[in-house]
Amino acid sequence: MSGPAHRVEFFFDFSSSYSYLAATQIEEICARHRAEVSWRPILLGPIFQRIGKVPLFQRGPEWAYARLDMERWAARYGVPLKIPPIVPVHSLAAARGFHAAREAGRGGAYCRKVFDVCWGQGQDVGEHEVLRGVAASLGLDPDGFMESTRRTEVKEWLRGEVEEAARRGVFGAPTFFVGDEMFHGNDRLFMVEEALARASAPGAPAAAVTPYNRWFGIRCLEREQGRAAYELLVTSRMLNQRGVAHGGAAMSLLDTALGGAVVSGIAPQEWCATLELSVQFREPLRRGAAVARGRLVKRGRSAAFAEGEIVDAGGKVLASAHGTWYIWPSRPPV
């Protein structure tokens, strides 16, 4: 598996509970599409003052509902949620601290840790001792870390990040950019993923990039002349209680690859659908990249036969399959 081909810029404030929720999901979304996360901490206060926006915690009934909404999202994601003792969270030092963590190659880990301490454990990251503990847990010198948050160049860096966010139209957090496309809100993560899917397969046949493939994270590698290859990045959401991929994930990948091979071997106006798929599981699919290769074996007047297998990054066969596809001479009625 090659390195990241795309990037998601993630503008957030550590004081934002919805940024915390999004932070628990964005890396896995990016991993499914060979993208990387660019962590961009900002302060919402100056932006809100500029545009005259009232912070969520000051909006009475909306804040009361938001607390319930956050609990629902946390339950959906399976992550802890605990409101810190002081809201709004004083996130200035935490935001500045990212600079030192990034310089030490620990930027992403720092963001995850601060969010977890603040919104997962309910601690006050505005307290310097809490931040010192975060730094120490990441192998950073707490004294040097805290001293960095008082440096003039670090203060100027954060001001620049806030100015850039405002210039690009950021009005709240979390906000994401995929190229020039902006998406605001934890509830827009599915749109971020769709944008990544479009960006990661610009040359794939239109039919090879289906809504299901985008949602499931299946990426077309090849589809022509009776052969097809599709990649799936197995992530935590696909694992069963044994910690390996659910069998349905392997079957979806194989059905896609074998079906893709059939589609590439029939006439453009013809249509097909799976009649039967037989899968033999050899080894469990674990977290990481898996590739299914499909081959059209034979086609008749109204049926086609295909076979294929799933291999891991080292070429080891994890599962194999063969199946039958029905062929229509033209698009069947819906």
Protein backbone atom coordinates (compact mmCIF):
# COMPACT_ATOMS: atom_id res chain seq x y z
CA MET A 1 0.00 0.00 0.00
CA SER A 2 1.49 3.30 -1.07
CA GLY A 3 1.57 6.50 0.96
CA PRO A 4 -1.25 9.04 1.28
CA ALA A 5 -2.41 10.55 -2.00
CA HIS A 6 -4.80 13.14 -0.56
CA ARG A 7 -5.24 15.30 2.49
CA VAL A 8 -8.05 16.49 4.72
CA GLU A 9 -7.42 19.78 6.50
CA PHE A 10 -9.16 19.59 9.86
CA PHE A 11 -9.76 22.99 11.50
CA PHE A 12 -10.88 22.60 15.11
CA ASP A 13 -10.87 24.15 18.56
CA PHE A 14 -10.05 21.93 21.54
CA SER A 15 -12.98 23.65 23.29
CA SER A 16 -15.39 22.21 20.70
CA SER A 17 -17.15 19.00 21.74
CA TYR A 18 -18.18 18.30 18.14
CA SER A 19 -14.54 18.65 17.11
CA TYR A 20 -13.73 15.95 19.66
CA LEU A 21 -16.36 13.66 18.19
CA ALA A 22 -15.09 14.26 14.66
CA ALA A 23 -11.49 13.70 15.80
CA THR A 24 -12.40 10.17 16.89
CA GLN A 25 -13.46 9.34 13.32
CA ILE A 26 -11.47 11.41 10.84
CA GLU A 27 -8.27 9.32 10.81
CA GLU A 28 -10.11 6.11 10.04
CA ILE A 29 -12.08 7.82 7.28
CA CYS A 30 -8.85 9.11 5.77
CA ALA A 31 -7.18 5.71 6.07
CA ARG A 32 -9.95 4.12 4.03
CA HIS A 33 -9.11 6.49 1.16
CA ARG A 34 -5.32 6.70 1.45
CA ALA A 35 -5.57 10.24 2.73
CA GLU A 36 -3.80 11.98 5.58
CA VAL A 37 -5.12 14.35 8.23
CA SER A 38 -3.69 17.84 8.49
CA TRP A 39 -4.47 18.90 12.07
CA ARG A 40 -5.23 22.66 12.21
CA PRO A 41 -6.02 23.87 15.76
CA ILE A 42 -7.56 27.34 15.94
CA LEU A 43 -9.43 29.53 18.41
CA LEU A 44 -13.10 30.13 17.69
CA GLY A 45 -13.36 33.19 19.96
CA PRO A 46 -11.74 35.68 17.54
CA ILE A 47 -13.72 34.27 14.62
CA PHE A 48 -17.02 34.49 16.49
CA GLN A 49 -16.25 38.09 17.50
CA ARG A 50 -15.51 38.99 13.90
CA ILE A 51 -18.76 37.59 12.52
CA GLY A 52 -20.97 38.31 15.55
CA LYS A 53 -21.70 34.66 16.35
CA VAL A 54 -22.79 33.60 19.84
CA PRO A 55 -20.99 30.52 21.24
CA LEU A 56 -23.08 27.38 21.56
CA PHE A 57 -22.93 27.24 25.36
CA GLN A 58 -24.61 30.68 25.50
CA ARG A 59 -27.60 29.69 23.36
CA GLY A 60 -29.88 28.45 26.14
CA PRO A 61 -32.19 25.70 24.87
CA GLU A 62 -29.84 24.93 21.98
CA TRP A 63 -27.00 24.18 24.40
CA ALA A 64 -29.29 21.96 26.47
CA TYR A 65 -30.24 20.03 23.33
CA ALA A 66 -26.60 19.91 22.15
CA ARG A 67 -25.60 18.05 25.31
CA LEU A 68 -28.16 15.36 24.48
CA ASP A 69 -27.07 15.36 20.84
CA MET A 70 -23.43 14.93 21.82
CA GLU A 71 -24.33 11.94 23.97
CA ARG A 72 -26.14 10.37 21.03
CA TRP A 73 -23.17 10.88 18.72
CA ALA A 74 -20.76 9.50 21.32
CA ALA A 75 -22.94 6.42 21.69
CA ARG A 76 -23.08 6.03 17.91
CA TYR A 77 -19.29 6.22 17.65
CA GLY A 78 -18.71 4.10 20.75
CA VAL A 79 -16.52 6.73 22.43
CA PRO A 80 -16.61 8.21 25.94
CA LEU A 81 -18.04 11.66 26.58
CA LYS A 82 -17.70 13.65 29.78
CA ILE A 83 -18.31 17.40 29.93
CA PRO A 84 -15.25 19.17 31.46
CA PRO A 85 -15.75 21.16 34.67
CA ILE A 86 -15.38 24.57 33.00
CA VAL A 87 -17.25 25.42 29.79
CA PRO A 88 -16.17 27.11 27.63
CA VAL A 89 -12.86 25.29 27.80
CA HIS A 90 -9.90 27.67 27.89
CA SER A 91 -8.03 26.17 24.94
CA LEU A 92 -5.38 28.83 24.23
CA ALA A 93 -2.38 27.02 25.76
CA ALA A 94 -3.53 23.67 24.36
CA ALA A 95 -3.74 25.13 20.85
CA ARG A 96 -0.28 26.69 21.16
CA GLY A 97 1.08 23.42 22.53
CA PHE A 98 0.34 21.71 19.23
CA HIS A 99 3.26 23.60 17.69
CA ALA A 100 5.83 21.91 19.93
CA ALA A 101 4.15 18.50 19.58
CA ARG A 102 4.16 18.78 15.80
CA GLU A 103 7.82 19.78 15.78
CA ALA A 104 8.54 16.60 17.76
CA GLY A 105 6.58 14.50 15.25
CA ARG A 106 3.73 13.96 17.72
CA GLY A 107 1.11 16.35 16.33
CA GLY A 108 -1.65 13.83 15.68
CA ALA A 109 -1.04 11.94 18.90
CA TYR A 110 -1.12 15.24 20.81
CA CYS A 111 -4.49 16.22 19.37
CA ARG A 112 -5.99 12.83 20.13
CA LYS A 113 -4.66 12.96 23.68
CA VAL A 114 -5.86 16.49 24.43
CA PHE A 115 -9.32 15.71 23.09
CA ASP A 116 -9.52 12.50 25.10
CA VAL A 117 -8.36 14.18 28.31
CA CYS A 118 -10.79 17.07 27.81
CA TRP A 119 -13.95 15.46 26.42
CA GLY A 120 -13.35 11.77 27.03
CA GLN A 121 -12.19 12.13 30.65
CA GLY A 122 -13.71 15.52 31.49
CA GLN A 123 -10.53 17.21 32.68
CA ASP A 124 -9.78 20.92 32.37
CA VAL A 125 -7.08 21.31 29.70
CA GLY A 126 -6.96 24.99 30.57
CA GLU A 127 -5.03 23.92 33.68
CA HIS A 128 -1.31 23.89 32.98
CA GLU A 129 -0.72 20.81 35.13
CA VAL A 130 -3.16 18.88 32.97
CA LEU A 131 -1.30 19.98 29.86
CA ARG A 132 2.01 19.06 31.44
CA GLY A 133 0.62 15.60 32.00
CA VAL A 134 -0.39 15.39 28.34
CA ALA A 135 3.11 16.39 27.26
CA ALA A 136 4.75 13.86 29.58
CA SER A 137 2.48 11.05 28.34
CA LEU A 138 3.75 11.72 24.81
CA GLY A 139 7.41 11.71 25.79
CA LEU A 140 7.77 15.50 25.64
CA ASP A 141 9.60 17.51 28.27
CA PRO A 142 6.80 19.21 30.25
CA ASP A 143 8.90 22.27 31.13
CA GLY A 144 10.07 22.83 27.58
CA PHE A 145 6.58 22.18 26.28
CA MET A 146 4.98 24.79 28.53
CA GLU A 147 7.75 27.28 27.82
CA SER A 148 7.05 26.92 24.09
CA THR A 149 3.46 28.09 24.57
CA ARG A 150 4.79 31.47 25.71
CA ARG A 151 7.13 32.06 22.77
CA THR A 152 6.39 34.99 20.50
CA GLU A 153 6.79 32.95 17.32
CA VAL A 154 4.31 30.35 18.57
CA LYS A 155 1.78 33.03 19.44
CA GLU A 156 2.20 34.51 15.97
CA TRP A 157 1.84 31.08 14.38
CA LEU A 158 -1.52 30.51 16.08
CA ARG A 159 -2.76 33.99 15.11
CA GLY A 160 -1.83 33.14 11.54
CA GLU A 161 -3.80 29.88 11.70
CA VAL A 162 -6.88 31.74 12.94
CA GLU A 163 -6.49 34.38 10.22
CA GLU A 164 -6.16 31.74 7.52
CA ALA A 165 -9.23 29.91 8.79
CA ALA A 166 -11.26 33.13 8.73
CA ARG A 167 -10.00 34.00 5.26
CA ARG A 168 -11.09 30.61 3.94
CA GLY A 169 -14.59 31.01 5.34
CA VAL A 170 -14.38 28.97 8.55
CA PHE A 171 -17.18 30.08 10.89
CA GLY A 172 -17.19 27.21 13.38
CA ALA A 173 -15.66 23.87 14.26
CA PRO A 174 -15.12 21.26 13.14
CA THR A 175 -14.50 22.39 9.57
CA PHE A 176 -12.86 20.23 6.92
CA PHE A 177 -11.30 20.96 3.55
CA VAL A 178 -10.78 18.39 0.83
CA GLY A 179 -8.97 20.46 -1.75
CA ASP A 180 -11.09 23.59 -2.10
CA GLU A 181 -14.30 21.94 -0.87
CA MET A 182 -15.33 22.99 2.64
CA PHE A 183 -17.49 20.91 4.97
CA HIS A 184 -18.68 22.12 8.38
CA GLY A 185 -19.82 19.91 11.22
CA ASN A 186 -19.31 16.46 12.65
CA ASP A 187 -22.50 15.42 10.86
CA ARG A 188 -20.89 16.21 7.49
CA LEU A 189 -18.20 13.56 7.81
CA PHE A 190 -20.03 11.35 5.33
CA MET A 191 -19.67 14.16 2.78
CA VAL A 192 -15.95 14.39 3.55
CA GLU A 193 -15.68 10.68 2.84
CA GLU A 194 -17.58 11.04 -0.44
CA ALA A 195 -15.22 13.84 -1.50
CA LEU A 196 -12.22 11.65 -0.69
CA ALA A 197 -13.71 8.78 -2.69
CA ARG A 198 -14.12 11.05 -5.71
CA ALA A 199 -10.57 12.33 -5.34
CA SER A 200 -9.02 8.88 -4.88
CA ALA A 201 -10.52 7.30 -8.00
CA PRO A 202 -10.57 10.04 -10.68
CA GLY A 203 -9.73 7.64 -13.52
CA ALA A 204 -11.90 4.70 -12.49
CA PRO A 205 -14.89 3.75 -14.66
CA ALA A 206 -18.02 5.54 -13.46
CA ALA A 207 -19.75 2.25 -12.63
CA ALA A 208 -16.72 1.14 -10.59
CA VAL A 209 -17.27 3.94 -8.06
CA THR A 210 -20.67 3.13 -6.59
CA PRO A 211 -22.28 4.67 -3.50
CA TYR A 212 -21.84 1.33 -1.71
CA ASN A 213 -18.15 1.20 -2.54
CA ARG A 214 -17.69 4.76 -1.30
CA TRP A 215 -19.51 4.01 1.94
CA PHE A 216 -17.70 0.73 2.54
CA GLY A 217 -14.29 2.01 1.47
CA ILE A 218 -13.75 -0.32 -1.50
CA ARG A 219 -11.42 1.17 -4.11
CA CYS A 220 -11.14 0.09 -7.75
CA LEU A 221 -7.56 -0.73 -8.77
CA GLU A 222 -8.25 -2.33 -12.16
CA ARG A 223 -11.25 -3.33 -14.26
CA GLU A 224 -10.82 -4.31 -17.91
CA GLN A 225 -10.96 -7.27 -20.33
CA GLY A 226 -12.50 -9.75 -17.95
CA ARG A 227 -10.28 -8.93 -14.97
CA ALA A 228 -10.76 -6.69 -11.95
CA ALA A 229 -9.01 -5.83 -8.71
CA TYR A 230 -10.47 -3.94 -5.76
CA GLU A 231 -8.86 -2.91 -2.49
CA LEU A 232 -10.47 -2.75 0.93
CA LEU A 233 -8.80 -1.20 3.96
CA VAL A 234 -10.08 -3.24 6.92
CA THR A 235 -10.76 -0.87 9.82
CA SER A 236 -12.12 -1.25 13.34
CA ARG A 237 -15.73 -0.76 12.25
CA MET A 238 -15.56 -4.04 10.27
CA LEU A 239 -14.24 -6.20 13.10
CA ASN A 240 -16.26 -8.82 14.93
CA GLN A 241 -15.90 -9.79 18.58
CA ARG A 242 -12.81 -11.86 17.74
CA GLY A 243 -11.05 -8.78 16.42
CA VAL A 244 -11.02 -9.90 12.77
CA ALA A 245 -13.10 -8.72 9.82
CA HIS A 246 -16.69 -9.91 9.69
CA GLY A 247 -17.20 -12.51 6.97
CA GLY A 248 -19.62 -10.18 5.23
CA ALA A 249 -16.77 -7.75 4.57
CA ALA A 250 -14.82 -10.41 2.69
CA MET A 251 -17.91 -11.46 0.75
CA SER A 252 -18.66 -7.86 -0.24
CA LEU A 253 -15.13 -7.42 -1.49
CA LEU A 254 -15.19 -10.67 -3.47
CA ASP A 255 -18.63 -9.97 -4.94
CA THR A 256 -17.38 -6.57 -6.06
CA ALA A 257 -14.18 -7.93 -7.65
CA LEU A 258 -15.75 -10.93 -9.39
CA GLY A 259 -18.72 -8.86 -10.49
CA GLY A 260 -16.36 -6.19 -11.79
CA ALA A 261 -14.54 -8.81 -13.83
CA VAL A 262 -17.83 -9.95 -15.36
CA VAL A 263 -18.90 -6.38 -16.15
CA SER A 264 -15.59 -5.68 -17.88
CA GLY A 265 -15.99 -8.78 -20.05
CA ILE A 266 -19.50 -8.19 -21.40
CA ALA A 267 -20.82 -5.66 -23.92
CA PRO A 268 -21.40 -2.07 -22.68
CA GLN A 269 -25.16 -2.31 -23.17
CA GLU A 270 -25.44 -5.61 -21.26
CA TRP A 271 -26.26 -5.81 -17.57
CA CYS A 272 -25.56 -8.49 -14.97
CA ALA A 273 -26.41 -9.49 -11.41
CA THR A 274 -25.06 -12.05 -9.00
CA LEU A 275 -26.95 -15.34 -9.00
CA GLU A 276 -24.66 -17.34 -6.73
CA LEU A 277 -21.42 -16.72 -4.87
CA SER A 278 -19.50 -19.42 -3.04
CA VAL A 279 -16.73 -18.28 -0.68
CA GLN A 280 -14.04 -20.39 0.95
CA PHE A 281 -12.42 -18.68 3.94
CA ARG A 282 -8.79 -19.66 4.54
CA GLU A 283 -7.37 -17.02 6.87
CA PRO A 284 -9.08 -14.17 8.73
CA LEU A 285 -8.93 -10.66 7.33
CA ARG A 286 -7.19 -8.44 9.83
CA ARG A 287 -6.78 -4.69 9.97
CA GLY A 288 -4.94 -3.31 6.97
CA ALA A 289 -5.17 -3.52 3.20
CA ALA A 290 -6.69 -6.52 1.41
CA VAL A 291 -7.05 -6.88 -2.36
CA ALA A 292 -9.59 -9.03 -4.19
CA ARG A 293 -8.76 -10.15 -7.73
CA GLY A 294 -11.55 -11.37 -10.00
CA ARG A 295 -11.44 -13.18 -13.37
CA LEU A 296 -14.17 -13.91 -15.88
CA VAL A 297 -13.83 -17.66 -16.57
CA LYS A 298 -16.59 -18.22 -19.11
CA ARG A 299 -19.73 -16.59 -20.41
CA GLY A 300 -22.74 -18.10 -22.08
CA ARG A 301 -25.80 -16.59 -23.67
CA SER A 302 -27.44 -15.57 -20.39
CA ALA A 303 -24.92 -16.43 -17.69
CA ALA A 304 -21.27 -15.80 -16.84
CA PHE A 305 -18.90 -17.58 -14.47
CA ALA A 306 -16.12 -15.92 -12.49
CA GLU A 307 -13.54 -16.80 -9.85
CA GLY A 308 -11.09 -14.94 -7.68
CA GLU A 309 -9.41 -14.52 -4.32
CA ILE A 310 -8.49 -12.06 -1.60
CA VAL A 311 -4.81 -11.57 -0.83
CA ASP A 312 -3.08 -9.62 1.91
CA ALA A 313 -0.21 -7.16 1.47
CA GLY A 314 2.26 -10.06 1.23
CA GLY A 315 0.28 -11.93 -1.43
CA LYS A 316 -1.07 -14.60 0.91
CA VAL A 317 -4.50 -15.91 -0.12
CA LEU A 318 -7.05 -15.24 2.61
CA ALA A 319 -10.22 -16.33 0.84
CA SER A 320 -11.26 -17.60 -2.58
CA ALA A 321 -14.58 -17.61 -4.41
CA HIS A 322 -16.42 -18.61 -7.54
CA GLY A 323 -19.84 -17.55 -8.70
CA THR A 324 -22.45 -17.18 -11.42
CA TRP A 325 -23.89 -13.97 -12.86
CA TYR A 326 -27.07 -13.60 -14.89
CA ILE A 327 -26.75 -11.45 -18.01
CA TRP A 328 -29.47 -9.28 -19.55
CA PRO A 329 -29.08 -8.05 -23.15
CA SER A 330 -29.97 -4.53 -21.97
CA ARG A 331 -30.83 -2.75 -18.77
CA PRO A 332 -33.63 -4.62 -17.00
CA PRO A 333 -36.72 -2.77 -15.72
CA VAL A 334 -36.45 -1.53 -12.14
